[in-house]
Every structure is written in C-alpha cells, then in structure tokens.
Protein backbone atom coordinates (compact mmCIF):
# COMPACT_ATOMS: atom_id res chain seq x y z
CA MET A 1 3.52 -4.17 -5.43
CA LEU A 2 5.13 -1.12 -6.99
CA PHE A 3 1.82 -0.08 -8.57
CA ARG A 4 0.21 -0.18 -5.13
CA LEU A 5 3.00 1.84 -3.52
CA LEU A 6 2.65 4.43 -6.28
CA ALA A 7 -1.15 4.46 -5.75
CA TRP A 8 -1.88 3.63 -9.39
CA GLN A 9 -5.31 2.46 -10.48
CA GLY A 10 -5.53 -1.30 -11.06
CA SER A 11 -2.88 -2.18 -8.51
CA THR A 12 -5.18 -4.57 -6.67
CA VAL A 13 -5.69 -6.66 -9.82
CA GLU A 14 -1.94 -6.79 -10.39
CA ILE A 15 -1.21 -7.94 -6.84
CA VAL A 16 -3.91 -10.61 -6.92
CA ALA A 17 -2.57 -11.89 -10.27
CA GLY A 18 0.92 -12.00 -8.77
CA LEU A 19 -0.31 -13.89 -5.72
CA VAL A 20 -2.10 -16.45 -7.93
CA LEU A 21 1.02 -16.94 -10.05
CA GLY A 22 3.10 -17.16 -6.88
CA ALA A 23 0.79 -19.88 -5.57
CA GLY A 24 1.37 -21.81 -8.80
CA VAL A 25 5.13 -21.50 -8.41
CA GLN A 26 4.79 -22.55 -4.77
CA LEU A 27 2.88 -25.66 -5.80
CA TRP A 28 5.46 -26.53 -8.44
CA ALA A 29 8.37 -25.99 -6.04
CA PHE A 30 6.66 -28.05 -3.35
CA VAL A 31 6.02 -30.96 -5.70
CA ALA A 32 9.47 -30.78 -7.34
CA GLY A 33 11.39 -30.47 -4.10
CA ARG A 34 9.32 -32.89 -2.02
CA GLY A 35 10.76 -36.14 -3.27
CA SER A 36 14.27 -35.21 -4.27
CA GLY A 37 15.11 -32.43 -1.80
CA GLN A 38 16.59 -30.32 -4.58
CA PRO A 39 18.08 -27.10 -3.20
CA VAL A 40 16.87 -25.11 -6.23
CA ALA A 41 13.23 -26.01 -5.65
CA THR A 42 13.60 -25.31 -1.92
CA SER A 43 15.13 -21.87 -2.50
CA VAL A 44 12.44 -21.02 -5.07
CA PHE A 45 9.81 -22.09 -2.54
CA ARG A 46 11.30 -19.85 0.16
CA ARG A 47 11.74 -16.79 -2.09
CA THR A 48 8.25 -17.11 -3.50
CA ALA A 49 6.81 -17.46 0.00
CA LEU A 50 8.61 -14.28 1.06
CA LEU A 51 7.38 -12.33 -1.97
CA MET A 52 3.83 -13.60 -1.45
CA ALA A 53 3.92 -12.52 2.20
CA ILE A 54 5.09 -9.02 1.25
CA GLY A 55 2.46 -8.89 -1.51
CA GLY A 56 -0.24 -9.89 0.95
CA ILE A 57 0.79 -7.18 3.38
CA VAL A 58 0.81 -4.55 0.63
CA LEU A 59 -2.58 -5.79 -0.62
CA LEU A 60 -4.11 -5.45 2.84
CA THR A 61 -2.70 -1.94 3.37
CA PRO A 62 -5.19 0.72 2.21
CA VAL A 63 -3.96 3.06 -0.51
CA SER A 64 -5.00 6.06 1.57
CA SER A 65 -2.63 4.96 4.34
CA ILE A 66 0.22 4.56 1.86
CA ILE A 67 -0.39 8.04 0.42
CA ARG A 68 -0.58 9.61 3.87
CA TRP A 69 2.63 7.86 4.91
CA PHE A 70 4.61 8.92 1.83
CA HIS A 71 3.40 12.52 2.09
CA ARG A 72 3.41 12.88 5.86
CA ASP A 73 5.39 16.13 5.58
CA ASP A 74 2.56 17.80 3.58
CA THR A 75 -0.79 16.70 4.95
CA ALA A 76 -2.78 19.05 2.68
CA LEU A 77 -1.25 17.38 -0.39
CA ALA A 78 -1.88 13.94 1.09
CA GLU A 79 -5.57 14.65 1.62
CA LYS A 80 -5.93 16.03 -1.91
CA MET A 81 -4.21 12.95 -3.33
CA VAL A 82 -6.43 10.61 -1.29
CA TYR A 83 -9.50 12.44 -2.58
CA GLN A 84 -8.16 12.21 -6.13
CA HIS A 85 -7.53 8.48 -5.74
CA GLU A 86 -11.03 7.89 -4.37
CA HIS A 87 -12.63 10.00 -7.17
CA PRO A 88 -10.57 9.25 -10.31
CA ASP A 89 -13.17 10.75 -12.69
CA ASP A 90 -13.26 14.14 -10.96
CA PRO A 91 -11.11 16.60 -12.96
CA ALA A 92 -11.30 19.16 -10.14
CA ALA A 93 -9.52 16.75 -7.80
CA ALA A 94 -6.66 16.26 -10.26
CA GLN A 95 -6.47 20.01 -10.83
CA ALA A 96 -6.28 20.66 -7.07
CA VAL A 97 -3.31 18.29 -6.77
CA ARG A 98 -1.55 19.91 -9.75
CA GLN A 99 -2.10 23.40 -8.36
CA HIS A 100 -0.81 22.38 -4.94
CA LEU A 101 2.33 20.87 -6.48
CA GLN A 102 2.95 23.92 -8.67
CA ALA A 103 2.58 26.28 -5.70
CA LYS A 104 4.97 24.19 -3.60
CA PRO A 105 8.59 25.42 -3.70
CA GLU A 106 11.14 23.13 -5.32
CA GLN A 107 12.98 20.84 -2.94
CA LEU A 108 16.55 19.84 -3.68
C-alpha cells in the first residue's frame, strides 16, 4: 500500500500479491479458528480482513487522484507528476518535475 501512496511503478502488482497472500491467511485463520474458537486465529482473521479492506480501497483509488490529493497545494506540480506517472519513459516529463521542484522555495 505504501508503494501505491508514493505513486511508485509496480504498486498494483504488490497490492494484488498482498491481497492474494491475505486471502491465504484468511483461509487458514477461518479453518483453524472454526472448530476450536481459538482467539489467536480469530484476531488474525479480523486483522487480515481489515488490512485487505484497506488494500482494496487503495487498489481501487487511481494514482492520479492520490498525487493530486497529496499535492493539492501546488496544482502545477501535481499535473506534472501525473503526466510523469502516465509517461514513465518520457525524460522531458521527469525533467519538468525536477525543474519545478528546484524552482520551488524551500519549506520548513
């Protein structure tokens, strides 16, 4: 989920892998806790369900929306970053983001 929030390439694959592993843990916790009612299996089931729900929400949120939300104070930077994310092989897009960040005054 952190990769997605940082708008890194490959974040979708990471979230899907996490959701698949979470489903495996869910299945194990369901089977282990079903007959015996063990509190450990029940708490693992609940925590994994919560993490999978958050992961699903992050997966369904477009990266462009996340970028625009994080950089809502500088819309020009946000649009340049969205363009860079949508065109990762374009060196001019990366250069435009770097130039914008260098021209921006330091914030303390």
